[in-house]
Amino acid sequence: MPKGYIIGHVTVHDADAYADYVARNTQIMAQFGGKPIIRGGQSETPEGPKFTRHVCFEYPDFAAAKAAYYSEEYQDVMKIRIANAESMIVVVEGAA
């Protein structure tokens, strides 16, 4: 069964507030089997919108990734990210 992923492309505007989001987000994602496989680090964007931070959480399957994103807990914490960063989030199924 293909794995599921939540991929985020982010430009942070308030690092302190975003750090709180990251700490809380990590705990919530783990409850759904999510583990970070990309979290910041060097990046280059040769095409498309420019974001300064890229994150990817891997899940056992697509359903688990969707459940994590749409969970009540994450929807509440997500407000911190929205208020303190510009972002694009994608929930995607991995290759079979």
N, C-alpha and C. Protein backbone atom coordinates (compact mmCIF):
# COMPACT_ATOMS: atom_id res chain seq x y z
N MET A 1 0.86 -1.18 0.00
CA MET A 1 0.00 0.00 0.00
C MET A 1 0.90 1.24 0.00
N PRO A 2 0.62 2.20 -0.87
CA PRO A 2 1.44 3.42 -0.92
C PRO A 2 1.32 4.24 0.37
N LYS A 3 2.40 4.87 0.69
CA LYS A 3 2.41 5.76 1.86
C LYS A 3 1.69 7.06 1.52
N GLY A 4 1.35 7.82 2.55
CA GLY A 4 0.76 9.13 2.37
C GLY A 4 1.72 10.19 2.87
N TYR A 5 1.59 11.40 2.35
CA TYR A 5 2.49 12.49 2.71
C TYR A 5 1.73 13.79 2.87
N ILE A 6 2.16 14.58 3.83
CA ILE A 6 1.75 15.98 3.90
C ILE A 6 3.00 16.78 3.60
N ILE A 7 2.94 17.59 2.56
CA ILE A 7 4.08 18.39 2.12
C ILE A 7 3.72 19.86 2.30
N GLY A 8 4.60 20.58 2.95
CA GLY A 8 4.38 22.01 3.18
C GLY A 8 5.51 22.84 2.61
N HIS A 9 5.15 23.91 1.95
CA HIS A 9 6.10 24.90 1.45
C HIS A 9 5.75 26.18 2.20
N VAL A 10 6.70 26.74 2.93
CA VAL A 10 6.39 27.79 3.90
C VAL A 10 7.42 28.92 3.85
N THR A 11 6.94 30.15 4.03
CA THR A 11 7.79 31.29 4.32
C THR A 11 7.32 31.85 5.65
N VAL A 12 8.18 31.76 6.65
CA VAL A 12 7.83 32.15 8.03
C VAL A 12 8.01 33.65 8.21
N HIS A 13 7.02 34.28 8.86
CA HIS A 13 7.09 35.72 9.14
C HIS A 13 7.39 36.00 10.62
N ASP A 14 7.04 35.08 11.52
CA ASP A 14 7.30 35.24 12.95
C ASP A 14 7.88 33.92 13.47
N ALA A 15 9.20 33.88 13.60
CA ALA A 15 9.89 32.64 13.95
C ALA A 15 9.49 32.09 15.32
N ASP A 16 9.28 32.95 16.30
CA ASP A 16 8.91 32.47 17.64
C ASP A 16 7.54 31.80 17.63
N ALA A 17 6.58 32.44 17.01
CA ALA A 17 5.24 31.86 16.93
C ALA A 17 5.26 30.58 16.11
N TYR A 18 6.04 30.56 15.05
CA TYR A 18 6.11 29.38 14.20
C TYR A 18 6.76 28.21 14.94
N ALA A 19 7.72 28.49 15.81
CA ALA A 19 8.35 27.44 16.61
C ALA A 19 7.32 26.75 17.50
N ASP A 20 6.39 27.52 18.04
CA ASP A 20 5.30 26.94 18.85
C ASP A 20 4.44 26.04 17.97
N TYR A 21 4.13 26.49 16.78
CA TYR A 21 3.36 25.68 15.83
C TYR A 21 4.07 24.36 15.54
N VAL A 22 5.37 24.41 15.26
CA VAL A 22 6.14 23.21 14.92
C VAL A 22 6.09 22.20 16.07
N ALA A 23 6.29 22.67 17.29
CA ALA A 23 6.27 21.77 18.44
C ALA A 23 4.91 21.09 18.59
N ARG A 24 3.86 21.85 18.49
CA ARG A 24 2.52 21.29 18.65
C ARG A 24 2.13 20.42 17.45
N ASN A 25 2.49 20.86 16.26
CA ASN A 25 2.19 20.11 15.05
C ASN A 25 2.85 18.74 15.06
N THR A 26 4.10 18.67 15.47
CA THR A 26 4.84 17.41 15.49
C THR A 26 4.14 16.38 16.36
N GLN A 27 3.66 16.79 17.51
CA GLN A 27 2.95 15.87 18.41
C GLN A 27 1.66 15.36 17.77
N ILE A 28 0.93 16.25 17.13
CA ILE A 28 -0.34 15.86 16.50
C ILE A 28 -0.08 14.90 15.34
N MET A 29 0.88 15.21 14.49
CA MET A 29 1.15 14.36 13.34
C MET A 29 1.57 12.96 13.78
N ALA A 30 2.34 12.87 14.86
CA ALA A 30 2.78 11.57 15.38
C ALA A 30 1.59 10.71 15.82
N GLN A 31 0.54 11.33 16.31
CA GLN A 31 -0.65 10.58 16.74
C GLN A 31 -1.29 9.82 15.57
N PHE A 32 -1.03 10.27 14.35
CA PHE A 32 -1.59 9.64 13.16
C PHE A 32 -0.54 8.82 12.40
N GLY A 33 0.59 8.57 13.05
CA GLY A 33 1.65 7.78 12.43
C GLY A 33 2.59 8.58 11.57
N GLY A 34 2.51 9.91 11.64
CA GLY A 34 3.36 10.77 10.82
C GLY A 34 4.75 10.94 11.39
N LYS A 35 5.73 10.90 10.51
CA LYS A 35 7.11 11.18 10.93
C LYS A 35 7.72 12.15 9.93
N PRO A 36 8.46 13.14 10.44
CA PRO A 36 9.07 14.12 9.52
C PRO A 36 10.21 13.49 8.74
N ILE A 37 10.18 13.65 7.42
CA ILE A 37 11.29 13.16 6.60
C ILE A 37 12.03 14.31 5.92
N ILE A 38 11.38 15.47 5.85
CA ILE A 38 12.04 16.71 5.41
C ILE A 38 11.57 17.79 6.36
N ARG A 39 12.51 18.54 6.90
CA ARG A 39 12.14 19.61 7.82
C ARG A 39 13.18 20.71 7.72
N GLY A 40 12.89 21.68 6.87
CA GLY A 40 13.84 22.78 6.68
C GLY A 40 15.02 22.30 5.86
N GLY A 41 16.20 22.76 6.22
CA GLY A 41 17.40 22.37 5.48
C GLY A 41 17.56 23.19 4.21
N GLN A 42 18.64 22.94 3.52
CA GLN A 42 18.93 23.67 2.29
C GLN A 42 17.91 23.32 1.22
N SER A 43 17.58 24.30 0.41
CA SER A 43 16.67 24.05 -0.71
C SER A 43 16.95 25.04 -1.82
N GLU A 44 16.47 24.69 -2.98
CA GLU A 44 16.58 25.56 -4.15
C GLU A 44 15.27 25.42 -4.92
N THR A 45 14.74 26.52 -5.39
CA THR A 45 13.48 26.50 -6.14
C THR A 45 13.75 27.03 -7.55
N PRO A 46 14.10 26.14 -8.48
CA PRO A 46 14.38 26.60 -9.83
C PRO A 46 13.13 27.02 -10.61
N GLU A 47 11.94 26.58 -10.16
CA GLU A 47 10.69 26.95 -10.84
C GLU A 47 9.59 27.14 -9.81
N GLY A 48 8.65 28.00 -10.11
CA GLY A 48 7.46 28.16 -9.28
C GLY A 48 7.64 29.15 -8.14
N PRO A 49 6.59 29.25 -7.30
CA PRO A 49 6.62 30.19 -6.17
C PRO A 49 7.79 29.89 -5.23
N LYS A 50 8.39 30.93 -4.71
CA LYS A 50 9.55 30.78 -3.82
C LYS A 50 9.10 30.75 -2.36
N PHE A 51 9.39 29.67 -1.68
CA PHE A 51 9.18 29.54 -0.24
C PHE A 51 10.54 29.28 0.39
N THR A 52 10.69 29.61 1.67
CA THR A 52 12.00 29.49 2.31
C THR A 52 12.15 28.22 3.15
N ARG A 53 11.06 27.51 3.39
CA ARG A 53 11.11 26.31 4.23
C ARG A 53 10.23 25.24 3.59
N HIS A 54 10.71 24.01 3.62
CA HIS A 54 9.95 22.90 3.04
C HIS A 54 9.91 21.76 4.06
N VAL A 55 8.74 21.16 4.20
CA VAL A 55 8.52 20.13 5.21
C VAL A 55 7.74 18.99 4.58
N CYS A 56 8.07 17.75 4.97
CA CYS A 56 7.30 16.60 4.51
C CYS A 56 7.17 15.60 5.65
N PHE A 57 5.94 15.23 5.96
CA PHE A 57 5.66 14.17 6.93
C PHE A 57 5.18 12.95 6.16
N GLU A 58 5.71 11.78 6.53
CA GLU A 58 5.32 10.52 5.90
C GLU A 58 4.35 9.78 6.82
N TYR A 59 3.33 9.16 6.22
CA TYR A 59 2.29 8.42 6.96
C TYR A 59 2.18 7.01 6.41
N PRO A 60 1.59 6.12 7.19
CA PRO A 60 1.42 4.74 6.73
C PRO A 60 0.66 4.64 5.40
N ASP A 61 -0.29 5.55 5.19
CA ASP A 61 -1.06 5.55 3.94
C ASP A 61 -1.73 6.92 3.76
N PHE A 62 -2.36 7.09 2.60
CA PHE A 62 -3.00 8.36 2.25
C PHE A 62 -4.11 8.71 3.23
N ALA A 63 -4.89 7.71 3.65
CA ALA A 63 -5.99 7.96 4.59
C ALA A 63 -5.47 8.52 5.91
N ALA A 64 -4.34 8.02 6.39
CA ALA A 64 -3.77 8.53 7.65
C ALA A 64 -3.30 9.97 7.49
N ALA A 65 -2.71 10.29 6.33
CA ALA A 65 -2.26 11.67 6.08
C ALA A 65 -3.46 12.61 6.07
N LYS A 66 -4.53 12.22 5.38
CA LYS A 66 -5.74 13.05 5.34
C LYS A 66 -6.35 13.19 6.73
N ALA A 67 -6.38 12.10 7.48
CA ALA A 67 -6.95 12.14 8.83
C ALA A 67 -6.17 13.11 9.71
N ALA A 68 -4.84 13.11 9.58
CA ALA A 68 -4.02 14.03 10.37
C ALA A 68 -4.33 15.48 10.01
N TYR A 69 -4.33 15.78 8.71
CA TYR A 69 -4.56 17.16 8.28
C TYR A 69 -5.94 17.66 8.71
N TYR A 70 -6.95 16.85 8.52
CA TYR A 70 -8.32 17.28 8.80
C TYR A 70 -8.76 17.07 10.25
N SER A 71 -7.85 16.58 11.10
CA SER A 71 -8.20 16.35 12.50
C SER A 71 -8.53 17.67 13.19
N GLU A 72 -9.40 17.59 14.16
CA GLU A 72 -9.79 18.78 14.93
C GLU A 72 -8.58 19.41 15.59
N GLU A 73 -7.67 18.58 16.11
CA GLU A 73 -6.47 19.09 16.78
C GLU A 73 -5.61 19.91 15.82
N TYR A 74 -5.38 19.35 14.62
CA TYR A 74 -4.54 20.08 13.67
C TYR A 74 -5.23 21.33 13.15
N GLN A 75 -6.51 21.26 12.89
CA GLN A 75 -7.23 22.42 12.38
C GLN A 75 -7.13 23.59 13.36
N ASP A 76 -7.05 23.29 14.65
CA ASP A 76 -6.89 24.33 15.66
C ASP A 76 -5.47 24.91 15.63
N VAL A 77 -4.46 24.03 15.61
CA VAL A 77 -3.06 24.47 15.62
C VAL A 77 -2.68 25.15 14.30
N MET A 78 -3.30 24.74 13.22
CA MET A 78 -3.03 25.32 11.91
C MET A 78 -3.21 26.84 11.91
N LYS A 79 -4.07 27.34 12.76
CA LYS A 79 -4.33 28.78 12.83
C LYS A 79 -3.05 29.55 13.18
N ILE A 80 -2.16 28.94 13.96
CA ILE A 80 -0.88 29.58 14.31
C ILE A 80 -0.04 29.75 13.04
N ARG A 81 0.03 28.70 12.23
CA ARG A 81 0.80 28.78 10.98
C ARG A 81 0.22 29.83 10.05
N ILE A 82 -1.08 29.81 9.88
CA ILE A 82 -1.73 30.75 8.96
C ILE A 82 -1.48 32.19 9.37
N ALA A 83 -1.47 32.46 10.69
CA ALA A 83 -1.27 33.82 11.19
C ALA A 83 0.18 34.28 11.10
N ASN A 84 1.13 33.33 11.00
CA ASN A 84 2.54 33.70 11.11
C ASN A 84 3.42 33.26 9.94
N ALA A 85 2.79 32.76 8.88
CA ALA A 85 3.56 32.30 7.73
C ALA A 85 2.69 32.29 6.48
N GLU A 86 3.34 32.35 5.35
CA GLU A 86 2.67 32.12 4.06
C GLU A 86 2.98 30.67 3.71
N SER A 87 1.99 29.92 3.27
CA SER A 87 2.26 28.50 3.02
C SER A 87 1.37 27.90 1.95
N MET A 88 1.83 26.78 1.43
CA MET A 88 1.05 25.93 0.54
C MET A 88 1.22 24.51 1.08
N ILE A 89 0.11 23.84 1.35
CA ILE A 89 0.14 22.50 1.93
C ILE A 89 -0.53 21.54 0.95
N VAL A 90 0.08 20.37 0.76
CA VAL A 90 -0.46 19.36 -0.14
C VAL A 90 -0.50 18.03 0.61
N VAL A 91 -1.62 17.31 0.50
CA VAL A 91 -1.72 15.95 1.02
C VAL A 91 -1.71 15.04 -0.21
N VAL A 92 -0.77 14.10 -0.26
CA VAL A 92 -0.56 13.32 -1.49
C VAL A 92 -0.28 11.85 -1.18
N GLU A 93 -0.68 10.99 -2.11
CA GLU A 93 -0.38 9.56 -2.01
C GLU A 93 0.94 9.29 -2.71
N GLY A 94 1.78 8.46 -2.08
CA GLY A 94 3.07 8.11 -2.67
C GLY A 94 2.92 7.12 -3.81
N ALA A 95 4.02 6.84 -4.49
CA ALA A 95 4.03 5.88 -5.60
C ALA A 95 3.79 4.47 -5.07
N ALA A 96 3.11 3.68 -5.87
CA ALA A 96 2.83 2.29 -5.48
C ALA A 96 4.07 1.44 -5.60
